[in-house]
Amino acid sequence: MLPTLDPSILHDSSGTYYAFATSLLTGPSPKNIQVASAPSPLGPWTYLDIDPLPNPGSWTSGPGSLTWAPSVVRLSDNSYVMYYSGQLSGNNSAYHCIGAAKSTSSVTGPYTPLSQPIACPLSQGGAIDPAGFLDPLTGKRYLVYKVDGNSLGNGGSCGNSVAPQVPTPIVLQPVADDGITFVGERVTILDRTEEDGPLVEAPDLWFDWGTGTYVLFYSNHCWSEEGYSVNYATSGEVTGVYKRASKGSLVATGDGLGVVAPGGASAVGTVDGDGGGNRTSIVFHGNCGEGRCLFGVDVSIGLS
């Protein structure tokens, strides 16, 4: 098991799988973003002692601040964009917004950040948990993320279980081929309900060739509690409406996998990495002796 938080997975053109994860601020070699590589989504994973994002940007609290939940996409010109949740500076350091950084040639960077965040709805609590998505049917690109409403909550579990509770919508933002220029307006594709507890978060979009549907992976409840889980909803259109799976959580505490408080799923095809693989695999994080660790499993998506 690889100690890490908020992993996202990318199958690079070299055939190697890369997992990018939240900052490591302790120990002899702190990093703004962590990265590991593997020959398969199920491992074995090798930790790479590099920081692909040496500087998270002048709009953040700087190197050594809380940089969360990165997601990396490869563009058609073989350059890369990393999305991440950066901790704001100054009086707004309690909040995060979404930044983007570019690498012209290497999946492991170094990535150069943009001078400003690309999504920062501060009056709604900021934004976290970005994930890029390339629609294999249309070739259009999207960014999906969580509006971090629970950062404005009234206390309790993850800051948002005390009434009145604040919305934590998952939104879909069309972007241009460069992965960073917004095109049109964002659309809310999911939001918390009472059954979700304080929040929904950690979105990841996927197209399932077996069912011909768009799949939205997400987590609900609070990451520090056993109720945290991996869930999914499906839609015939990328913009929704997304229908939650009636069979409940995909991965949860007490199921056969034996992982406590699993969440933050990121999907990949196990053969060609673009949705046309023979199987779909997810990586996610859950409790372990080191705190939180990366886990992986093959999944089958149904329409029920």
C-alpha atoms as a PDB file:
ATOM      1  CA  MET A   1       0.000   0.000   0.000  1.00  0.00           C
ATOM      2  CA  LEU A   2       1.167   3.498  -0.870  1.00  0.00           C
ATOM      3  CA  PRO A   3       0.554   6.150   1.818  1.00  0.00           C
ATOM      4  CA  THR A   4      -1.267   8.973   0.061  1.00  0.00           C
ATOM      5  CA  LEU A   5      -4.428  11.088  -0.093  1.00  0.00           C
ATOM      6  CA  ASP A   6      -6.706  11.893  -3.047  1.00  0.00           C
ATOM      7  CA  PRO A   7      -5.012   9.839  -5.773  1.00  0.00           C
ATOM      8  CA  SER A   8      -5.858  10.331  -9.440  1.00  0.00           C
ATOM      9  CA  ILE A   9      -4.659   7.996 -12.158  1.00  0.00           C
ATOM     10  CA  LEU A  10      -3.374   8.550 -15.696  1.00  0.00           C
ATOM     11  CA  HIS A  11      -2.352   5.941 -18.269  1.00  0.00           C
ATOM     12  CA  ASP A  12       0.457   7.622 -20.178  1.00  0.00           C
ATOM     13  CA  SER A  13       1.376   6.994 -23.806  1.00  0.00           C
ATOM     14  CA  SER A  14       4.442   5.065 -22.612  1.00  0.00           C
ATOM     15  CA  GLY A  15       2.133   2.416 -21.142  1.00  0.00           C
ATOM     16  CA  THR A  16       2.968   3.372 -17.566  1.00  0.00           C
ATOM     17  CA  TYR A  17       0.276   4.286 -15.053  1.00  0.00           C
ATOM     18  CA  TYR A  18       0.858   7.345 -12.874  1.00  0.00           C
ATOM     19  CA  ALA A  19      -0.928   8.278  -9.655  1.00  0.00           C
ATOM     20  CA  PHE A  20      -0.806  11.887  -8.479  1.00  0.00           C
ATOM     21  CA  ALA A  21      -1.780  12.764  -4.925  1.00  0.00           C
ATOM     22  CA  THR A  22      -2.169  15.480  -2.294  1.00  0.00           C
ATOM     23  CA  SER A  23       0.827  17.282  -0.761  1.00  0.00           C
ATOM     24  CA  LEU A  24       3.196  15.692   1.738  1.00  0.00           C
ATOM     25  CA  LEU A  25       4.211  18.306   4.303  1.00  0.00           C
ATOM     26  CA  THR A  26       6.108  16.157   6.813  1.00  0.00           C
ATOM     27  CA  GLY A  27       9.325  14.168   6.766  1.00  0.00           C
ATOM     28  CA  PRO A  28      12.710  14.870   5.188  1.00  0.00           C
ATOM     29  CA  SER A  29      11.368  15.426   1.651  1.00  0.00           C
ATOM     30  CA  PRO A  30       8.091  17.409   1.645  1.00  0.00           C
ATOM     31  CA  LYS A  31       6.257  17.789  -1.657  1.00  0.00           C
ATOM     32  CA  ASN A  32       3.453  19.957  -2.994  1.00  0.00           C
ATOM     33  CA  ILE A  33       2.239  17.031  -5.102  1.00  0.00           C
ATOM     34  CA  GLN A  34       3.164  13.363  -4.791  1.00  0.00           C
ATOM     35  CA  VAL A  35       3.502  10.943  -7.706  1.00  0.00           C
ATOM     36  CA  ALA A  36       3.977   7.196  -8.117  1.00  0.00           C
ATOM     37  CA  SER A  37       4.164   4.868 -11.118  1.00  0.00           C
ATOM     38  CA  ALA A  38       3.058   1.308 -11.812  1.00  0.00           C
ATOM     39  CA  PRO A  39       2.722  -1.165 -14.690  1.00  0.00           C
ATOM     40  CA  SER A  40      -0.947  -1.720 -13.785  1.00  0.00           C
ATOM     41  CA  PRO A  41      -3.682   0.214 -11.952  1.00  0.00           C
ATOM     42  CA  LEU A  42      -3.512  -2.486  -9.306  1.00  0.00           C
ATOM     43  CA  GLY A  43       0.226  -1.988  -8.839  1.00  0.00           C
ATOM     44  CA  PRO A  44       2.811  -2.576  -7.673  1.00  0.00           C
ATOM     45  CA  TRP A  45       3.282   1.154  -7.165  1.00  0.00           C
ATOM     46  CA  THR A  46       6.713   2.786  -6.992  1.00  0.00           C
ATOM     47  CA  TYR A  47       6.927   6.111  -5.172  1.00  0.00           C
ATOM     48  CA  LEU A  48       8.874   8.714  -7.164  1.00  0.00           C
ATOM     49  CA  ASP A  49      10.963  11.054  -5.038  1.00  0.00           C
ATOM     50  CA  ILE A  50      10.172  14.154  -7.090  1.00  0.00           C
ATOM     51  CA  ASP A  51       7.779  17.077  -6.806  1.00  0.00           C
ATOM     52  CA  PRO A  52       5.996  17.593 -10.136  1.00  0.00           C
ATOM     53  CA  LEU A  53       4.664  20.969  -8.910  1.00  0.00           C
ATOM     54  CA  PRO A  54       7.596  22.743  -7.198  1.00  0.00           C
ATOM     55  CA  ASN A  55       5.611  25.992  -7.037  1.00  0.00           C
ATOM     56  CA  PRO A  56       1.793  25.897  -6.725  1.00  0.00           C
ATOM     57  CA  GLY A  57       1.485  29.528  -7.844  1.00  0.00           C
ATOM     58  CA  SER A  58       1.675  33.070  -6.529  1.00  0.00           C
ATOM     59  CA  TRP A  59      -2.053  33.094  -5.710  1.00  0.00           C
ATOM     60  CA  THR A  60      -1.599  30.259  -3.199  1.00  0.00           C
ATOM     61  CA  SER A  61       0.015  30.191   0.224  1.00  0.00           C
ATOM     62  CA  GLY A  62       3.114  28.947  -1.591  1.00  0.00           C
ATOM     63  CA  PRO A  63       5.298  25.836  -1.367  1.00  0.00           C
ATOM     64  CA  GLY A  64       4.585  23.882   1.778  1.00  0.00           C
ATOM     65  CA  SER A  65       0.912  24.842   1.841  1.00  0.00           C
ATOM     66  CA  LEU A  66      -2.038  22.457   1.547  1.00  0.00           C
ATOM     67  CA  THR A  67      -2.219  21.458  -2.123  1.00  0.00           C
ATOM     68  CA  TRP A  68      -4.925  18.862  -2.642  1.00  0.00           C
ATOM     69  CA  ALA A  69      -6.364  16.386  -5.119  1.00  0.00           C
ATOM     70  CA  PRO A  70      -4.397  16.819  -8.366  1.00  0.00           C
ATOM     71  CA  SER A  71      -5.575  15.500 -11.717  1.00  0.00           C
ATOM     72  CA  VAL A  72      -3.398  15.275 -14.835  1.00  0.00           C
ATOM     73  CA  VAL A  73      -4.569  15.106 -18.458  1.00  0.00           C
ATOM     74  CA  ARG A  74      -2.562  14.641 -21.647  1.00  0.00           C
ATOM     75  CA  LEU A  75      -3.491  16.963 -24.499  1.00  0.00           C
ATOM     76  CA  SER A  76      -3.494  16.216 -28.226  1.00  0.00           C
ATOM     77  CA  ASP A  77      -0.070  17.877 -28.646  1.00  0.00           C
ATOM     78  CA  ASN A  78       1.370  15.500 -25.999  1.00  0.00           C
ATOM     79  CA  SER A  79       1.711  18.244 -23.412  1.00  0.00           C
ATOM     80  CA  TYR A  80       0.119  17.888 -19.983  1.00  0.00           C
ATOM     81  CA  VAL A  81      -2.145  19.935 -17.742  1.00  0.00           C
ATOM     82  CA  MET A  82      -2.329  19.404 -13.996  1.00  0.00           C
ATOM     83  CA  TYR A  83      -5.405  20.611 -12.119  1.00  0.00           C
ATOM     84  CA  TYR A  84      -5.114  20.969  -8.348  1.00  0.00           C
ATOM     85  CA  SER A  85      -6.747  22.531  -5.290  1.00  0.00           C
ATOM     86  CA  GLY A  86      -4.526  25.336  -4.026  1.00  0.00           C
ATOM     87  CA  GLN A  87      -4.710  26.928  -0.579  1.00  0.00           C
ATOM     88  CA  LEU A  88      -5.374  30.649  -0.906  1.00  0.00           C
ATOM     89  CA  SER A  89      -3.003  33.165   0.634  1.00  0.00           C
ATOM     90  CA  GLY A  90      -3.502  35.797   3.305  1.00  0.00           C
ATOM     91  CA  ASN A  91      -6.893  36.250   4.930  1.00  0.00           C
ATOM     92  CA  ASN A  92      -8.432  33.606   2.661  1.00  0.00           C
ATOM     93  CA  SER A  93      -6.091  30.780   3.688  1.00  0.00           C
ATOM     94  CA  ALA A  94      -9.037  28.785   5.074  1.00  0.00           C
ATOM     95  CA  TYR A  95     -10.232  28.258   1.500  1.00  0.00           C
ATOM     96  CA  HIS A  96      -9.053  26.484  -1.625  1.00  0.00           C
ATOM     97  CA  CYS A  97      -9.523  27.242  -5.307  1.00  0.00           C
ATOM     98  CA  ILE A  98      -8.627  25.317  -8.444  1.00  0.00           C
ATOM     99  CA  GLY A  99      -5.381  25.995 -10.235  1.00  0.00           C
ATOM    100  CA  ALA A 100      -3.849  24.657 -13.410  1.00  0.00           C
ATOM    101  CA  ALA A 101      -0.230  24.075 -14.371  1.00  0.00           C
ATOM    102  CA  LYS A 102       1.397  22.994 -17.621  1.00  0.00           C
ATOM    103  CA  SER A 103       4.221  20.670 -18.618  1.00  0.00           C
ATOM    104  CA  THR A 104       5.278  20.710 -22.249  1.00  0.00           C
ATOM    105  CA  SER A 105       6.876  17.294 -22.433  1.00  0.00           C
ATOM    106  CA  SER A 106       6.950  15.162 -19.269  1.00  0.00           C
ATOM    107  CA  VAL A 107       4.044  13.658 -17.372  1.00  0.00           C
ATOM    108  CA  THR A 108       6.027  14.025 -14.146  1.00  0.00           C
ATOM    109  CA  GLY A 109       6.780  17.697 -14.767  1.00  0.00           C
ATOM    110  CA  PRO A 110       7.967  20.060 -13.613  1.00  0.00           C
ATOM    111  CA  TYR A 111       4.627  21.803 -14.092  1.00  0.00           C
ATOM    112  CA  THR A 112       4.474  25.595 -14.388  1.00  0.00           C
ATOM    113  CA  PRO A 113       1.400  27.114 -12.712  1.00  0.00           C
ATOM    114  CA  LEU A 114      -0.856  29.768 -14.180  1.00  0.00           C
ATOM    115  CA  SER A 115      -0.730  33.120 -12.435  1.00  0.00           C
ATOM    116  CA  GLN A 116      -4.356  32.915 -11.259  1.00  0.00           C
ATOM    117  CA  PRO A 117      -6.775  30.142 -10.277  1.00  0.00           C
ATOM    118  CA  ILE A 118      -9.120  28.959 -13.013  1.00  0.00           C
ATOM    119  CA  ALA A 119     -12.108  28.345 -10.712  1.00  0.00           C
ATOM    120  CA  CYS A 120     -12.546  30.292  -7.488  1.00  0.00           C
ATOM    121  CA  PRO A 121     -16.172  30.747  -6.345  1.00  0.00           C
ATOM    122  CA  LEU A 122     -15.055  32.171  -3.018  1.00  0.00           C
ATOM    123  CA  SER A 123     -18.514  33.368  -1.954  1.00  0.00           C
ATOM    124  CA  GLN A 124     -19.679  29.744  -2.233  1.00  0.00           C
ATOM    125  CA  GLY A 125     -16.758  28.332  -0.239  1.00  0.00           C
ATOM    126  CA  GLY A 126     -14.116  27.975  -2.932  1.00  0.00           C
ATOM    127  CA  ALA A 127     -13.525  24.897  -5.077  1.00  0.00           C
ATOM    128  CA  ILE A 128     -11.647  21.608  -4.698  1.00  0.00           C
ATOM    129  CA  ASP A 129     -11.296  18.131  -6.200  1.00  0.00           C
ATOM    130  CA  PRO A 130     -10.823  18.922  -9.908  1.00  0.00           C
ATOM    131  CA  ALA A 131     -10.736  16.161 -12.509  1.00  0.00           C
ATOM    132  CA  GLY A 132     -10.266  16.478 -16.254  1.00  0.00           C
ATOM    133  CA  PHE A 133     -12.411  14.506 -18.697  1.00  0.00           C
ATOM    134  CA  LEU A 134     -12.110  13.963 -22.458  1.00  0.00           C
ATOM    135  CA  ASP A 135     -15.416  12.821 -23.941  1.00  0.00           C
ATOM    136  CA  PRO A 136     -14.495   9.928 -26.259  1.00  0.00           C
ATOM    137  CA  LEU A 137     -17.717  10.374 -28.266  1.00  0.00           C
ATOM    138  CA  THR A 138     -17.325  14.070 -29.087  1.00  0.00           C
ATOM    139  CA  GLY A 139     -13.665  14.886 -28.424  1.00  0.00           C
ATOM    140  CA  LYS A 140     -14.732  17.733 -26.138  1.00  0.00           C
ATOM    141  CA  ARG A 141     -12.949  18.422 -22.870  1.00  0.00           C
ATOM    142  CA  TYR A 142     -14.451  19.133 -19.475  1.00  0.00           C
ATOM    143  CA  LEU A 143     -13.405  19.943 -15.941  1.00  0.00           C
ATOM    144  CA  VAL A 144     -15.495  18.547 -13.104  1.00  0.00           C
ATOM    145  CA  TYR A 145     -15.045  19.789  -9.549  1.00  0.00           C
ATOM    146  CA  LYS A 146     -16.702  20.342  -6.181  1.00  0.00           C
ATOM    147  CA  VAL A 147     -17.850  23.730  -4.947  1.00  0.00           C
ATOM    148  CA  ASP A 148     -16.547  23.532  -1.385  1.00  0.00           C
ATOM    149  CA  GLY A 149     -19.647  24.738   0.415  1.00  0.00           C
ATOM    150  CA  ASN A 150     -18.911  22.892   3.630  1.00  0.00           C
ATOM    151  CA  SER A 151     -16.008  25.308   4.227  1.00  0.00           C
ATOM    152  CA  LEU A 152     -18.805  27.806   4.986  1.00  0.00           C
ATOM    153  CA  GLY A 153     -20.784  25.338   7.097  1.00  0.00           C
ATOM    154  CA  ASN A 154     -22.017  25.716  10.651  1.00  0.00           C
ATOM    155  CA  GLY A 155     -19.949  22.959  12.228  1.00  0.00           C
ATOM    156  CA  GLY A 156     -20.155  19.253  12.909  1.00  0.00           C
ATOM    157  CA  SER A 157     -18.997  16.487  10.573  1.00  0.00           C
ATOM    158  CA  CYS A 158     -16.661  17.971   7.930  1.00  0.00           C
ATOM    159  CA  GLY A 159     -17.979  21.354   9.042  1.00  0.00           C
ATOM    160  CA  ASN A 160     -21.448  20.893   7.541  1.00  0.00           C
ATOM    161  CA  SER A 161     -23.719  18.626   9.582  1.00  0.00           C
ATOM    162  CA  VAL A 162     -25.243  21.414  11.681  1.00  0.00           C
ATOM    163  CA  ALA A 163     -28.296  23.149  10.221  1.00  0.00           C
ATOM    164  CA  PRO A 164     -28.626  25.084   8.075  1.00  0.00           C
ATOM    165  CA  GLN A 165     -26.403  22.942   5.851  1.00  0.00           C
ATOM    166  CA  VAL A 166     -24.658  24.471   2.860  1.00  0.00           C
ATOM    167  CA  PRO A 167     -24.822  22.987  -0.670  1.00  0.00           C
ATOM    168  CA  THR A 168     -21.704  21.234  -1.981  1.00  0.00           C
ATOM    169  CA  PRO A 169     -22.512  20.932  -5.691  1.00  0.00           C
ATOM    170  CA  ILE A 170     -20.439  18.961  -8.163  1.00  0.00           C
ATOM    171  CA  VAL A 171     -20.211  21.013 -11.344  1.00  0.00           C
ATOM    172  CA  LEU A 172     -19.190  20.368 -14.943  1.00  0.00           C
ATOM    173  CA  GLN A 173     -17.287  23.089 -16.809  1.00  0.00           C
ATOM    174  CA  PRO A 174     -16.609  22.797 -20.567  1.00  0.00           C
ATOM    175  CA  VAL A 175     -13.043  23.748 -21.507  1.00  0.00           C
ATOM    176  CA  ALA A 176     -11.216  24.336 -24.773  1.00  0.00           C
ATOM    177  CA  ASP A 177      -8.699  21.953 -26.315  1.00  0.00           C
ATOM    178  CA  ASP A 178      -5.964  23.583 -24.213  1.00  0.00           C
ATOM    179  CA  GLY A 179      -7.641  22.190 -21.081  1.00  0.00           C
ATOM    180  CA  ILE A 180      -7.646  25.547 -19.279  1.00  0.00           C
ATOM    181  CA  THR A 181      -9.811  28.023 -21.205  1.00  0.00           C
ATOM    182  CA  PHE A 182     -13.423  27.921 -20.034  1.00  0.00           C
ATOM    183  CA  VAL A 183     -16.059  27.628 -22.770  1.00  0.00           C
ATOM    184  CA  GLY A 184     -19.602  28.452 -21.717  1.00  0.00           C
ATOM    185  CA  GLU A 185     -21.152  28.115 -18.290  1.00  0.00           C
ATOM    186  CA  ARG A 186     -20.723  25.429 -15.671  1.00  0.00           C
ATOM    187  CA  VAL A 187     -23.585  23.007 -14.997  1.00  0.00           C
ATOM    188  CA  THR A 188     -24.422  21.423 -11.644  1.00  0.00           C
ATOM    189  CA  ILE A 189     -24.610  17.653 -12.137  1.00  0.00           C
ATOM    190  CA  LEU A 190     -24.991  16.479  -8.513  1.00  0.00           C
ATOM    191  CA  ASP A 191     -25.470  17.932  -5.040  1.00  0.00           C
ATOM    192  CA  ARG A 192     -25.734  16.600  -1.514  1.00  0.00           C
ATOM    193  CA  THR A 193     -28.958  15.200  -0.113  1.00  0.00           C
ATOM    194  CA  GLU A 194     -29.745  14.114   3.427  1.00  0.00           C
ATOM    195  CA  GLU A 195     -28.475  10.605   2.680  1.00  0.00           C
ATOM    196  CA  ASP A 196     -25.046  12.028   1.791  1.00  0.00           C
ATOM    197  CA  GLY A 197     -24.426  13.590   5.175  1.00  0.00           C
ATOM    198  CA  PRO A 198     -22.437  16.825   5.058  1.00  0.00           C
ATOM    199  CA  LEU A 199     -21.237  16.673   1.459  1.00  0.00           C
ATOM    200  CA  VAL A 200     -20.619  15.091  -1.889  1.00  0.00           C
ATOM    201  CA  GLU A 201     -17.098  15.488  -3.278  1.00  0.00           C
ATOM    202  CA  ALA A 202     -14.188  13.921  -5.184  1.00  0.00           C
ATOM    203  CA  PRO A 203     -15.902  13.703  -8.596  1.00  0.00           C
ATOM    204  CA  ASP A 204     -14.424  11.769 -11.492  1.00  0.00           C
ATOM    205  CA  LEU A 205     -16.094  11.372 -14.887  1.00  0.00           C
ATOM    206  CA  TRP A 206     -15.788   8.259 -17.007  1.00  0.00           C
ATOM    207  CA  PHE A 207     -17.436   6.863 -20.135  1.00  0.00           C
ATOM    208  CA  ASP A 208     -18.367   3.201 -19.807  1.00  0.00           C
ATOM    209  CA  TRP A 209     -18.294   1.536 -23.216  1.00  0.00           C
ATOM    210  CA  GLY A 210     -20.054  -1.562 -21.953  1.00  0.00           C
ATOM    211  CA  THR A 211     -23.229   0.340 -21.094  1.00  0.00           C
ATOM    212  CA  GLY A 212     -22.770   3.390 -23.325  1.00  0.00           C
ATOM    213  CA  THR A 213     -23.226   5.723 -20.373  1.00  0.00           C
ATOM    214  CA  TYR A 214     -21.365   8.483 -18.610  1.00  0.00           C
ATOM    215  CA  VAL A 215     -20.371   7.547 -15.074  1.00  0.00           C
ATOM    216  CA  LEU A 216     -19.846  10.074 -12.301  1.00  0.00           C
ATOM    217  CA  PHE A 217     -17.852   8.633  -9.425  1.00  0.00           C
ATOM    218  CA  TYR A 218     -18.175  10.611  -6.201  1.00  0.00           C
ATOM    219  CA  SER A 219     -17.797  10.285  -2.433  1.00  0.00           C
ATOM    220  CA  ASN A 220     -20.187  11.247   0.338  1.00  0.00           C
ATOM    221  CA  HIS A 221     -20.135  11.652   4.125  1.00  0.00           C
ATOM    222  CA  CYS A 222     -16.896  12.808   5.796  1.00  0.00           C
ATOM    223  CA  TRP A 223     -13.463  11.436   4.871  1.00  0.00           C
ATOM    224  CA  SER A 224     -12.445  11.126   8.538  1.00  0.00           C
ATOM    225  CA  GLU A 225     -15.390   8.852   9.379  1.00  0.00           C
ATOM    226  CA  GLU A 226     -16.199   5.243   8.497  1.00  0.00           C
ATOM    227  CA  GLY A 227     -19.253   6.301   6.500  1.00  0.00           C
ATOM    228  CA  TYR A 228     -17.077   7.803   3.759  1.00  0.00           C
ATOM    229  CA  SER A 229     -17.597   5.769   0.582  1.00  0.00           C
ATOM    230  CA  VAL A 230     -17.203   5.538  -3.199  1.00  0.00           C
ATOM    231  CA  ASN A 231     -20.449   5.910  -5.137  1.00  0.00           C
ATOM    232  CA  TYR A 232     -21.504   6.486  -8.715  1.00  0.00           C
ATOM    233  CA  ALA A 233     -24.299   7.921 -10.818  1.00  0.00           C
ATOM    234  CA  THR A 234     -24.961   7.419 -14.536  1.00  0.00           C
ATOM    235  CA  SER A 235     -26.328   9.481 -17.401  1.00  0.00           C
ATOM    236  CA  GLY A 236     -26.903   9.151 -21.124  1.00  0.00           C
ATOM    237  CA  GLU A 237     -25.578  12.700 -21.602  1.00  0.00           C
ATOM    238  CA  VAL A 238     -22.372  14.182 -20.228  1.00  0.00           C
ATOM    239  CA  THR A 239     -24.283  17.140 -18.789  1.00  0.00           C
ATOM    240  CA  GLY A 240     -26.792  14.904 -16.993  1.00  0.00           C
ATOM    241  CA  VAL A 241     -29.251  14.202 -15.524  1.00  0.00           C
ATOM    242  CA  TYR A 242     -27.165  11.763 -13.412  1.00  0.00           C
ATOM    243  CA  LYS A 243     -29.079   8.966 -11.711  1.00  0.00           C
ATOM    244  CA  ARG A 244     -27.559   7.551  -8.548  1.00  0.00           C
ATOM    245  CA  ALA A 245     -26.948   3.806  -8.537  1.00  0.00           C
ATOM    246  CA  SER A 246     -29.814   2.152  -6.690  1.00  0.00           C
ATOM    247  CA  LYS A 247     -27.616  -0.648  -5.369  1.00  0.00           C
ATOM    248  CA  GLY A 248     -25.783   1.762  -3.081  1.00  0.00           C
ATOM    249  CA  SER A 249     -22.081   2.396  -2.611  1.00  0.00           C
ATOM    250  CA  LEU A 250     -19.515   0.896  -4.957  1.00  0.00           C
ATOM    251  CA  VAL A 251     -16.882   0.641  -2.205  1.00  0.00           C
ATOM    252  CA  ALA A 252     -17.727   1.106   1.475  1.00  0.00           C
ATOM    253  CA  THR A 253     -16.574   0.210   4.969  1.00  0.00           C
ATOM    254  CA  GLY A 254     -17.619  -3.339   5.785  1.00  0.00           C
ATOM    255  CA  ASP A 255     -17.818  -4.687   2.238  1.00  0.00           C
ATOM    256  CA  GLY A 256     -15.657  -7.496   0.908  1.00  0.00           C
ATOM    257  CA  LEU A 257     -12.646  -5.304   0.169  1.00  0.00           C
ATOM    258  CA  GLY A 258     -12.025  -4.620   3.836  1.00  0.00           C
ATOM    259  CA  VAL A 259     -11.093  -0.951   3.361  1.00  0.00           C
ATOM    260  CA  VAL A 260     -12.247   1.515   6.016  1.00  0.00           C
ATOM    261  CA  ALA A 261     -13.556   4.929   4.874  1.00  0.00           C
ATOM    262  CA  PRO A 262     -12.797   4.530   1.149  1.00  0.00           C
ATOM    263  CA  GLY A 263     -13.217   7.556  -1.108  1.00  0.00           C
ATOM    264  CA  GLY A 264     -11.888   9.698  -3.908  1.00  0.00           C
ATOM    265  CA  ALA A 265     -12.125   7.230  -6.804  1.00  0.00           C
ATOM    266  CA  SER A 266     -10.296   7.874 -10.078  1.00  0.00           C
ATOM    267  CA  ALA A 267     -11.012   5.602 -13.058  1.00  0.00           C
ATOM    268  CA  VAL A 268      -8.906   4.271 -15.912  1.00  0.00           C
ATOM    269  CA  GLY A 269      -9.166   1.612 -18.617  1.00  0.00           C
ATOM    270  CA  THR A 270      -6.809  -1.259 -17.941  1.00  0.00           C
ATOM    271  CA  VAL A 271      -5.839  -1.829 -21.572  1.00  0.00           C
ATOM    272  CA  ASP A 272      -5.714   1.420 -23.545  1.00  0.00           C
ATOM    273  CA  GLY A 273      -6.527   3.956 -20.871  1.00  0.00           C
ATOM    274  CA  ASP A 274      -9.194   5.848 -22.823  1.00  0.00           C
ATOM    275  CA  GLY A 275     -12.320   3.943 -21.903  1.00  0.00           C
ATOM    276  CA  GLY A 276     -11.928   1.239 -24.521  1.00  0.00           C
ATOM    277  CA  GLY A 277     -10.089  -1.146 -22.252  1.00  0.00           C
ATOM    278  CA  ASN A 278     -11.319  -4.588 -21.362  1.00  0.00           C
ATOM    279  CA  ARG A 279     -11.927  -3.528 -17.772  1.00  0.00           C
ATOM    280  CA  THR A 280     -12.379  -0.382 -15.763  1.00  0.00           C
ATOM    281  CA  SER A 281     -10.206   0.040 -12.696  1.00  0.00           C
ATOM    282  CA  ILE A 282     -10.384   2.652  -9.963  1.00  0.00           C
ATOM    283  CA  VAL A 283      -7.811   3.849  -7.491  1.00  0.00           C
ATOM    284  CA  PHE A 284      -8.977   5.468  -4.264  1.00  0.00           C
ATOM    285  CA  HIS A 285      -7.778   6.162  -0.738  1.00  0.00           C
ATOM    286  CA  GLY A 286      -8.774   4.608   2.573  1.00  0.00           C
ATOM    287  CA  ASN A 287      -7.569   4.185   6.122  1.00  0.00           C
ATOM    288  CA  CYS A 288      -4.310   2.343   6.757  1.00  0.00           C
ATOM    289  CA  GLY A 289      -1.607   2.191   9.393  1.00  0.00           C
ATOM    290  CA  GLU A 290       0.133   5.220   7.863  1.00  0.00           C
ATOM    291  CA  GLY A 291      -3.075   7.277   7.875  1.00  0.00           C
ATOM    292  CA  ARG A 292      -4.518   7.092   4.344  1.00  0.00           C
ATOM    293  CA  CYS A 293      -3.263   4.815   1.566  1.00  0.00           C
ATOM    294  CA  LEU A 294      -3.901   4.153  -2.121  1.00  0.00           C
ATOM    295  CA  PHE A 295      -5.992   1.123  -3.030  1.00  0.00           C
ATOM    296  CA  GLY A 296      -7.097  -0.219  -6.415  1.00  0.00           C
ATOM    297  CA  VAL A 297      -9.810  -2.535  -7.703  1.00  0.00           C
ATOM    298  CA  ASP A 298     -11.479  -3.539 -10.973  1.00  0.00           C
ATOM    299  CA  VAL A 299     -15.131  -2.490 -11.163  1.00  0.00           C
ATOM    300  CA  SER A 300     -18.185  -3.275 -13.258  1.00  0.00           C
ATOM    301  CA  ILE A 301     -20.703  -0.520 -13.881  1.00  0.00           C
ATOM    302  CA  GLY A 302     -24.402  -1.361 -14.083  1.00  0.00           C
ATOM    303  CA  LEU A 303     -27.367   0.822 -14.864  1.00  0.00           C
ATOM    304  CA  SER A 304     -29.349  -0.064 -11.747  1.00  0.00           C
END
